[in-house]
Amino acid sequence: MDWKLAARVVAVLAVAVVMVACAIALRPDATEEAPAPTVQPQSGEPASSELLRCREIGAAALDDAGCKKAWAEGRRHFLEGNSGRARP
């Protein structure tokens, strides 16, 4: 291989590496994260505000009677489907 050609290839690769390094260094910081979306209760869902409260209290919801009732209502509502009655 001709030494001039090898020198040109090395020079082109060096310029490419420098360009990539500059692009990485000059890109804007992505540290600003978008705020997490909040879930708004829908008017058609039964006990949606209670379900949101249960989600917010975390593990304490496992022993909360209101949460158990809301979860049972949510399951019943989910399993009803469009027929209006629970499936067997």
PDB file of N, CA and C in Angstrom:
ATOM      1  N   MET A   1       0.850  -1.176   0.000  1.00  0.00           N
ATOM      2  CA  MET A   1       0.000   0.000   0.000  1.00  0.00           C
ATOM      3  C   MET A   1       0.897   1.240   0.000  1.00  0.00           C
ATOM      4  N   ASP A   2       0.476   2.209  -0.716  1.00  0.00           N
ATOM      5  CA  ASP A   2       1.224   3.455  -0.809  1.00  0.00           C
ATOM      6  C   ASP A   2       1.123   4.216   0.518  1.00  0.00           C
ATOM      7  N   TRP A   3       2.226   4.740   1.006  1.00  0.00           N
ATOM      8  CA  TRP A   3       2.242   5.428   2.300  1.00  0.00           C
ATOM      9  C   TRP A   3       1.432   6.716   2.263  1.00  0.00           C
ATOM     10  N   LYS A   4       1.363   7.363   1.120  1.00  0.00           N
ATOM     11  CA  LYS A   4       0.559   8.581   1.007  1.00  0.00           C
ATOM     12  C   LYS A   4      -0.925   8.262   1.171  1.00  0.00           C
ATOM     13  N   LEU A   5      -1.357   7.168   0.562  1.00  0.00           N
ATOM     14  CA  LEU A   5      -2.755   6.757   0.678  1.00  0.00           C
ATOM     15  C   LEU A   5      -3.079   6.372   2.120  1.00  0.00           C
ATOM     16  N   ALA A   6      -2.181   5.657   2.767  1.00  0.00           N
ATOM     17  CA  ALA A   6      -2.390   5.269   4.158  1.00  0.00           C
ATOM     18  C   ALA A   6      -2.468   6.501   5.054  1.00  0.00           C
ATOM     19  N   ALA A   7      -1.621   7.484   4.809  1.00  0.00           N
ATOM     20  CA  ALA A   7      -1.638   8.716   5.599  1.00  0.00           C
ATOM     21  C   ALA A   7      -2.951   9.464   5.399  1.00  0.00           C
ATOM     22  N   ARG A   8      -3.467   9.480   4.177  1.00  0.00           N
ATOM     23  CA  ARG A   8      -4.740  10.150   3.911  1.00  0.00           C
ATOM     24  C   ARG A   8      -5.897   9.447   4.620  1.00  0.00           C
ATOM     25  N   VAL A   9      -5.891   8.121   4.589  1.00  0.00           N
ATOM     26  CA  VAL A   9      -6.948   7.351   5.263  1.00  0.00           C
ATOM     27  C   VAL A   9      -6.920   7.624   6.758  1.00  0.00           C
ATOM     28  N   VAL A  10      -5.728   7.623   7.346  1.00  0.00           N
ATOM     29  CA  VAL A  10      -5.594   7.902   8.779  1.00  0.00           C
ATOM     30  C   VAL A  10      -6.061   9.322   9.083  1.00  0.00           C
ATOM     31  N   ALA A  11      -5.728  10.282   8.238  1.00  0.00           N
ATOM     32  CA  ALA A  11      -6.144  11.670   8.452  1.00  0.00           C
ATOM     33  C   ALA A  11      -7.664  11.808   8.386  1.00  0.00           C
ATOM     34  N   VAL A  12      -8.286  11.151   7.422  1.00  0.00           N
ATOM     35  CA  VAL A  12      -9.746  11.207   7.296  1.00  0.00           C
ATOM     36  C   VAL A  12     -10.408  10.571   8.513  1.00  0.00           C
ATOM     37  N   LEU A  13      -9.893   9.445   8.965  1.00  0.00           N
ATOM     38  CA  LEU A  13     -10.448   8.797  10.157  1.00  0.00           C
ATOM     39  C   LEU A  13     -10.274   9.673  11.391  1.00  0.00           C
ATOM     40  N   ALA A  14      -9.134  10.346  11.514  1.00  0.00           N
ATOM     41  CA  ALA A  14      -8.898  11.227  12.655  1.00  0.00           C
ATOM     42  C   ALA A  14      -9.880  12.397  12.646  1.00  0.00           C
ATOM     43  N   VAL A  15     -10.122  12.970  11.481  1.00  0.00           N
ATOM     44  CA  VAL A  15     -11.085  14.072  11.370  1.00  0.00           C
ATOM     45  C   VAL A  15     -12.485  13.582  11.731  1.00  0.00           C
ATOM     46  N   ALA A  16     -12.841  12.392  11.288  1.00  0.00           N
ATOM     47  CA  ALA A  16     -14.157  11.835  11.609  1.00  0.00           C
ATOM     48  C   ALA A  16     -14.306  11.626  13.108  1.00  0.00           C
ATOM     49  N   VAL A  17     -13.274  11.112  13.761  1.00  0.00           N
ATOM     50  CA  VAL A  17     -13.326  10.892  15.209  1.00  0.00           C
ATOM     51  C   VAL A  17     -13.465  12.224  15.937  1.00  0.00           C
ATOM     52  N   VAL A  18     -12.728  13.235  15.505  1.00  0.00           N
ATOM     53  CA  VAL A  18     -12.822  14.559  16.132  1.00  0.00           C
ATOM     54  C   VAL A  18     -14.223  15.140  15.950  1.00  0.00           C
ATOM     55  N   MET A  19     -14.809  14.967  14.778  1.00  0.00           N
ATOM     56  CA  MET A  19     -16.158  15.485  14.535  1.00  0.00           C
ATOM     57  C   MET A  19     -17.185  14.794  15.424  1.00  0.00           C
ATOM     58  N   VAL A  20     -17.074  13.488  15.577  1.00  0.00           N
ATOM     59  CA  VAL A  20     -18.001  12.757  16.440  1.00  0.00           C
ATOM     60  C   VAL A  20     -17.822  13.186  17.889  1.00  0.00           C
ATOM     61  N   ALA A  21     -16.577  13.350  18.331  1.00  0.00           N
ATOM     62  CA  ALA A  21     -16.319  13.779  19.707  1.00  0.00           C
ATOM     63  C   ALA A  21     -16.891  15.170  19.959  1.00  0.00           C
ATOM     64  N   CYS A  22     -16.753  16.069  19.003  1.00  0.00           N
ATOM     65  CA  CYS A  22     -17.319  17.416  19.152  1.00  0.00           C
ATOM     66  C   CYS A  22     -18.843  17.375  19.184  1.00  0.00           C
ATOM     67  N   ALA A  23     -19.430  16.551  18.351  1.00  0.00           N
ATOM     68  CA  ALA A  23     -20.891  16.445  18.334  1.00  0.00           C
ATOM     69  C   ALA A  23     -21.412  15.925  19.662  1.00  0.00           C
ATOM     70  N   ILE A  24     -20.718  14.964  20.246  1.00  0.00           N
ATOM     71  CA  ILE A  24     -21.132  14.420  21.539  1.00  0.00           C
ATOM     72  C   ILE A  24     -20.964  15.464  22.629  1.00  0.00           C
ATOM     73  N   ALA A  25     -19.852  16.192  22.612  1.00  0.00           N
ATOM     74  CA  ALA A  25     -19.579  17.182  23.651  1.00  0.00           C
ATOM     75  C   ALA A  25     -20.514  18.385  23.560  1.00  0.00           C
ATOM     76  N   LEU A  26     -20.950  18.747  22.378  1.00  0.00           N
ATOM     77  CA  LEU A  26     -21.752  19.952  22.199  1.00  0.00           C
ATOM     78  C   LEU A  26     -23.255  19.709  22.187  1.00  0.00           C
ATOM     79  N   ARG A  27     -23.676  18.480  22.298  1.00  0.00           N
ATOM     80  CA  ARG A  27     -25.116  18.230  22.296  1.00  0.00           C
ATOM     81  C   ARG A  27     -25.729  18.743  23.599  1.00  0.00           C
ATOM     82  N   PRO A  28     -26.996  19.141  23.572  1.00  0.00           N
ATOM     83  CA  PRO A  28     -27.631  19.683  24.784  1.00  0.00           C
ATOM     84  C   PRO A  28     -27.816  18.597  25.835  1.00  0.00           C
ATOM     85  N   ASP A  29     -27.767  19.031  27.095  1.00  0.00           N
ATOM     86  CA  ASP A  29     -27.950  18.091  28.199  1.00  0.00           C
ATOM     87  C   ASP A  29     -29.384  17.595  28.225  1.00  0.00           C
ATOM     88  N   ALA A  30     -29.536  16.320  28.486  1.00  0.00           N
ATOM     89  CA  ALA A  30     -30.864  15.716  28.571  1.00  0.00           C
ATOM     90  C   ALA A  30     -31.246  15.479  30.024  1.00  0.00           C
ATOM     91  N   THR A  31     -30.680  16.269  30.939  1.00  0.00           N
ATOM     92  CA  THR A  31     -30.960  16.060  32.356  1.00  0.00           C
ATOM     93  C   THR A  31     -32.328  16.579  32.757  1.00  0.00           C
ATOM     94  N   GLU A  32     -32.892  17.488  31.970  1.00  0.00           N
ATOM     95  CA  GLU A  32     -34.218  17.997  32.286  1.00  0.00           C
ATOM     96  C   GLU A  32     -35.256  16.992  31.810  1.00  0.00           C
ATOM     97  N   GLU A  33     -35.849  16.297  32.761  1.00  0.00           N
ATOM     98  CA  GLU A  33     -36.835  15.284  32.415  1.00  0.00           C
ATOM     99  C   GLU A  33     -38.226  15.902  32.451  1.00  0.00           C
ATOM    100  N   ALA A  34     -39.077  15.401  31.615  1.00  0.00           N
ATOM    101  CA  ALA A  34     -40.462  15.854  31.611  1.00  0.00           C
ATOM    102  C   ALA A  34     -41.143  15.350  32.877  1.00  0.00           C
ATOM    103  N   PRO A  35     -42.042  16.129  33.439  1.00  0.00           N
ATOM    104  CA  PRO A  35     -42.736  15.664  34.641  1.00  0.00           C
ATOM    105  C   PRO A  35     -43.580  14.432  34.334  1.00  0.00           C
ATOM    106  N   ALA A  36     -43.691  13.579  35.321  1.00  0.00           N
ATOM    107  CA  ALA A  36     -44.476  12.359  35.148  1.00  0.00           C
ATOM    108  C   ALA A  36     -45.941  12.720  34.937  1.00  0.00           C
ATOM    109  N   PRO A  37     -46.605  12.040  34.032  1.00  0.00           N
ATOM    110  CA  PRO A  37     -48.017  12.346  33.813  1.00  0.00           C
ATOM    111  C   PRO A  37     -48.851  11.941  35.017  1.00  0.00           C
ATOM    112  N   THR A  38     -49.840  12.738  35.313  1.00  0.00           N
ATOM    113  CA  THR A  38     -50.718  12.422  36.429  1.00  0.00           C
ATOM    114  C   THR A  38     -51.994  11.804  35.888  1.00  0.00           C
ATOM    115  N   VAL A  39     -52.546  10.905  36.649  1.00  0.00           N
ATOM    116  CA  VAL A  39     -53.768  10.222  36.248  1.00  0.00           C
ATOM    117  C   VAL A  39     -54.944  10.948  36.877  1.00  0.00           C
ATOM    118  N   GLN A  40     -55.844  11.391  36.038  1.00  0.00           N
ATOM    119  CA  GLN A  40     -57.040  12.064  36.516  1.00  0.00           C
ATOM    120  C   GLN A  40     -58.177  11.048  36.567  1.00  0.00           C
ATOM    121  N   PRO A  41     -58.958  11.068  37.636  1.00  0.00           N
ATOM    122  CA  PRO A  41     -60.072  10.122  37.705  1.00  0.00           C
ATOM    123  C   PRO A  41     -61.078  10.395  36.595  1.00  0.00           C
ATOM    124  N   GLN A  42     -61.536   9.327  35.969  1.00  0.00           N
ATOM    125  CA  GLN A  42     -62.537   9.457  34.921  1.00  0.00           C
ATOM    126  C   GLN A  42     -63.909   9.346  35.556  1.00  0.00           C
ATOM    127  N   SER A  43     -64.838  10.090  35.026  1.00  0.00           N
ATOM    128  CA  SER A  43     -66.157  10.155  35.646  1.00  0.00           C
ATOM    129  C   SER A  43     -66.915   8.831  35.552  1.00  0.00           C
ATOM    130  N   GLY A  44     -66.652   8.014  34.533  1.00  0.00           N
ATOM    131  CA  GLY A  44     -67.393   6.783  34.356  1.00  0.00           C
ATOM    132  C   GLY A  44     -66.898   5.619  35.192  1.00  0.00           C
ATOM    133  N   GLU A  45     -65.729   5.738  35.798  1.00  0.00           N
ATOM    134  CA  GLU A  45     -65.178   4.624  36.555  1.00  0.00           C
ATOM    135  C   GLU A  45     -65.685   4.646  37.993  1.00  0.00           C
ATOM    136  N   PRO A  46     -66.110   3.503  38.503  1.00  0.00           N
ATOM    137  CA  PRO A  46     -66.549   3.458  39.895  1.00  0.00           C
ATOM    138  C   PRO A  46     -65.356   3.511  40.835  1.00  0.00           C
ATOM    139  N   ALA A  47     -65.489   4.293  41.857  1.00  0.00           N
ATOM    140  CA  ALA A  47     -64.502   4.383  42.936  1.00  0.00           C
ATOM    141  C   ALA A  47     -63.113   4.753  42.438  1.00  0.00           C
ATOM    142  N   SER A  48     -63.033   5.545  41.371  1.00  0.00           N
ATOM    143  CA  SER A  48     -61.719   5.874  40.825  1.00  0.00           C
ATOM    144  C   SER A  48     -60.903   6.723  41.784  1.00  0.00           C
ATOM    145  N   SER A  49     -61.543   7.622  42.506  1.00  0.00           N
ATOM    146  CA  SER A  49     -60.793   8.432  43.469  1.00  0.00           C
ATOM    147  C   SER A  49     -60.281   7.560  44.610  1.00  0.00           C
ATOM    148  N   GLU A  50     -61.046   6.565  44.992  1.00  0.00           N
ATOM    149  CA  GLU A  50     -60.598   5.649  46.052  1.00  0.00           C
ATOM    150  C   GLU A  50     -59.425   4.803  45.566  1.00  0.00           C
ATOM    151  N   LEU A  51     -59.460   4.376  44.318  1.00  0.00           N
ATOM    152  CA  LEU A  51     -58.346   3.609  43.765  1.00  0.00           C
ATOM    153  C   LEU A  51     -57.079   4.453  43.695  1.00  0.00           C
ATOM    154  N   LEU A  52     -57.222   5.725  43.345  1.00  0.00           N
ATOM    155  CA  LEU A  52     -56.061   6.619  43.333  1.00  0.00           C
ATOM    156  C   LEU A  52     -55.502   6.805  44.737  1.00  0.00           C
ATOM    157  N   ARG A  53     -56.388   6.934  45.718  1.00  0.00           N
ATOM    158  CA  ARG A  53     -55.932   7.069  47.105  1.00  0.00           C
ATOM    159  C   ARG A  53     -55.181   5.812  47.536  1.00  0.00           C
ATOM    160  N   CYS A  54     -55.686   4.660  47.155  1.00  0.00           N
ATOM    161  CA  CYS A  54     -55.033   3.397  47.520  1.00  0.00           C
ATOM    162  C   CYS A  54     -53.664   3.280  46.862  1.00  0.00           C
ATOM    163  N   ARG A  55     -53.553   3.760  45.647  1.00  0.00           N
ATOM    164  CA  ARG A  55     -52.265   3.722  44.968  1.00  0.00           C
ATOM    165  C   ARG A  55     -51.260   4.622  45.673  1.00  0.00           C
ATOM    166  N   GLU A  56     -51.721   5.762  46.165  1.00  0.00           N
ATOM    167  CA  GLU A  56     -50.822   6.720  46.803  1.00  0.00           C
ATOM    168  C   GLU A  56     -50.340   6.260  48.172  1.00  0.00           C
ATOM    169  N   ILE A  57     -51.130   5.467  48.892  1.00  0.00           N
ATOM    170  CA  ILE A  57     -50.697   5.070  50.239  1.00  0.00           C
ATOM    171  C   ILE A  57     -49.788   3.848  50.215  1.00  0.00           C
ATOM    172  N   GLY A  58     -49.634   3.220  49.074  1.00  0.00           N
ATOM    173  CA  GLY A  58     -48.657   2.145  48.918  1.00  0.00           C
ATOM    174  C   GLY A  58     -49.052   0.853  49.606  1.00  0.00           C
ATOM    175  N   ALA A  59     -48.093   0.259  50.339  1.00  0.00           N
ATOM    176  CA  ALA A  59     -48.298  -1.054  50.948  1.00  0.00           C
ATOM    177  C   ALA A  59     -49.363  -1.030  52.033  1.00  0.00           C
ATOM    178  N   ALA A  60     -49.621   0.125  52.616  1.00  0.00           N
ATOM    179  CA  ALA A  60     -50.654   0.220  53.649  1.00  0.00           C
ATOM    180  C   ALA A  60     -52.035  -0.080  53.072  1.00  0.00           C
ATOM    181  N   ALA A  61     -52.173   0.008  51.761  1.00  0.00           N
ATOM    182  CA  ALA A  61     -53.460  -0.256  51.122  1.00  0.00           C
ATOM    183  C   ALA A  61     -53.865  -1.721  51.231  1.00  0.00           C
ATOM    184  N   LEU A  62     -52.892  -2.604  51.444  1.00  0.00           N
ATOM    185  CA  LEU A  62     -53.212  -4.032  51.540  1.00  0.00           C
ATOM    186  C   LEU A  62     -54.109  -4.343  52.729  1.00  0.00           C
ATOM    187  N   ASP A  63     -54.015  -3.534  53.786  1.00  0.00           N
ATOM    188  CA  ASP A  63     -54.819  -3.769  54.987  1.00  0.00           C
ATOM    189  C   ASP A  63     -55.995  -2.807  55.101  1.00  0.00           C
ATOM    190  N   ASP A  64     -56.164  -1.927  54.156  1.00  0.00           N
ATOM    191  CA  ASP A  64     -57.215  -0.915  54.206  1.00  0.00           C
ATOM    192  C   ASP A  64     -58.518  -1.504  53.665  1.00  0.00           C
ATOM    193  N   ALA A  65     -59.582  -1.433  54.475  1.00  0.00           N
ATOM    194  CA  ALA A  65     -60.874  -1.989  54.069  1.00  0.00           C
ATOM    195  C   ALA A  65     -61.455  -1.238  52.869  1.00  0.00           C
ATOM    196  N   GLY A  66     -61.270   0.070  52.835  1.00  0.00           N
ATOM    197  CA  GLY A  66     -61.774   0.858  51.708  1.00  0.00           C
ATOM    198  C   GLY A  66     -61.100   0.472  50.405  1.00  0.00           C
ATOM    199  N   CYS A  67     -59.806   0.190  50.479  1.00  0.00           N
ATOM    200  CA  CYS A  67     -59.078  -0.217  49.276  1.00  0.00           C
ATOM    201  C   CYS A  67     -59.535  -1.591  48.806  1.00  0.00           C
ATOM    202  N   LYS A  68     -59.735  -2.484  49.748  1.00  0.00           N
ATOM    203  CA  LYS A  68     -60.209  -3.821  49.370  1.00  0.00           C
ATOM    204  C   LYS A  68     -61.566  -3.737  48.683  1.00  0.00           C
ATOM    205  N   LYS A  69     -62.434  -2.868  49.211  1.00  0.00           N
ATOM    206  CA  LYS A  69     -63.755  -2.700  48.614  1.00  0.00           C
ATOM    207  C   LYS A  69     -63.636  -2.088  47.213  1.00  0.00           C
ATOM    208  N   ALA A  70     -62.770  -1.093  47.066  1.00  0.00           N
ATOM    209  CA  ALA A  70     -62.587  -0.450  45.762  1.00  0.00           C
ATOM    210  C   ALA A  70     -61.999  -1.431  44.753  1.00  0.00           C
ATOM    211  N   TRP A  71     -61.061  -2.263  45.183  1.00  0.00           N
ATOM    212  CA  TRP A  71     -60.470  -3.254  44.283  1.00  0.00           C
ATOM    213  C   TRP A  71     -61.521  -4.276  43.840  1.00  0.00           C
ATOM    214  N   ALA A  72     -62.369  -4.703  44.782  1.00  0.00           N
ATOM    215  CA  ALA A  72     -63.428  -5.657  44.431  1.00  0.00           C
ATOM    216  C   ALA A  72     -64.388  -5.031  43.419  1.00  0.00           C
ATOM    217  N   GLU A  73     -64.736  -3.765  43.628  1.00  0.00           N
ATOM    218  CA  GLU A  73     -65.620  -3.073  42.690  1.00  0.00           C
ATOM    219  C   GLU A  73     -64.940  -2.914  41.331  1.00  0.00           C
ATOM    220  N   GLY A  74     -63.653  -2.623  41.335  1.00  0.00           N
ATOM    221  CA  GLY A  74     -62.911  -2.495  40.085  1.00  0.00           C
ATOM    222  C   GLY A  74     -62.856  -3.808  39.324  1.00  0.00           C
ATOM    223  N   ARG A  75     -62.634  -4.910  40.044  1.00  0.00           N
ATOM    224  CA  ARG A  75     -62.632  -6.228  39.397  1.00  0.00           C
ATOM    225  C   ARG A  75     -64.004  -6.542  38.812  1.00  0.00           C
ATOM    226  N   ARG A  76     -65.043  -6.253  39.597  1.00  0.00           N
ATOM    227  CA  ARG A  76     -66.394  -6.522  39.124  1.00  0.00           C
ATOM    228  C   ARG A  76     -66.682  -5.698  37.873  1.00  0.00           C
ATOM    229  N   HIS A  77     -66.309  -4.439  37.898  1.00  0.00           N
ATOM    230  CA  HIS A  77     -66.544  -3.559  36.753  1.00  0.00           C
ATOM    231  C   HIS A  77     -65.749  -4.037  35.534  1.00  0.00           C
ATOM    232  N   PHE A  78     -64.524  -4.481  35.750  1.00  0.00           N
ATOM    233  CA  PHE A  78     -63.680  -4.954  34.652  1.00  0.00           C
ATOM    234  C   PHE A  78     -64.231  -6.240  34.051  1.00  0.00           C
ATOM    235  N   LEU A  79     -64.665  -7.153  34.896  1.00  0.00           N
ATOM    236  CA  LEU A  79     -65.134  -8.449  34.415  1.00  0.00           C
ATOM    237  C   LEU A  79     -66.527  -8.385  33.806  1.00  0.00           C
ATOM    238  N   GLU A  80     -67.267  -7.315  34.094  1.00  0.00           N
ATOM    239  CA  GLU A  80     -68.589  -7.162  33.493  1.00  0.00           C
ATOM    240  C   GLU A  80     -68.498  -7.058  31.981  1.00  0.00           C
ATOM    241  N   GLY A  81     -67.529  -6.339  31.505  1.00  0.00           N
ATOM    242  CA  GLY A  81     -67.414  -6.130  30.066  1.00  0.00           C
ATOM    243  C   GLY A  81     -68.549  -5.268  29.564  1.00  0.00           C
ATOM    244  N   ASN A  82     -68.997  -5.529  28.359  1.00  0.00           N
ATOM    245  CA  ASN A  82     -70.089  -4.759  27.766  1.00  0.00           C
ATOM    246  C   ASN A  82     -71.447  -5.401  27.993  1.00  0.00           C
ATOM    247  N   SER A  83     -71.475  -6.602  28.543  1.00  0.00           N
ATOM    248  CA  SER A  83     -72.740  -7.310  28.682  1.00  0.00           C
ATOM    249  C   SER A  83     -73.578  -6.799  29.842  1.00  0.00           C
ATOM    250  N   GLY A  84     -72.960  -6.117  30.812  1.00  0.00           N
ATOM    251  CA  GLY A  84     -73.719  -5.600  31.938  1.00  0.00           C
ATOM    252  C   GLY A  84     -73.824  -6.566  33.092  1.00  0.00           C
ATOM    253  N   ARG A  85     -73.281  -7.753  32.956  1.00  0.00           N
ATOM    254  CA  ARG A  85     -73.292  -8.704  34.069  1.00  0.00           C
ATOM    255  C   ARG A  85     -71.968  -9.442  34.116  1.00  0.00           C
ATOM    256  N   ALA A  86     -71.639  -9.971  35.270  1.00  0.00           N
ATOM    257  CA  ALA A  86     -70.358 -10.652  35.454  1.00  0.00           C
ATOM    258  C   ALA A  86     -70.349 -11.974  34.704  1.00  0.00           C
ATOM    259  N   ARG A  87     -69.203 -12.304  34.161  1.00  0.00           N
ATOM    260  CA  ARG A  87     -69.047 -13.586  33.479  1.00  0.00           C
ATOM    261  C   ARG A  87     -68.782 -14.669  34.510  1.00  0.00           C
ATOM    262  N   PRO A  88     -69.202 -15.903  34.227  1.00  0.00           N
ATOM    263  CA  PRO A  88     -68.954 -16.990  35.203  1.00  0.00           C
ATOM    264  C   PRO A  88     -67.501 -17.369  35.289  1.00  0.00           C
TER     265      PRO A  88
END
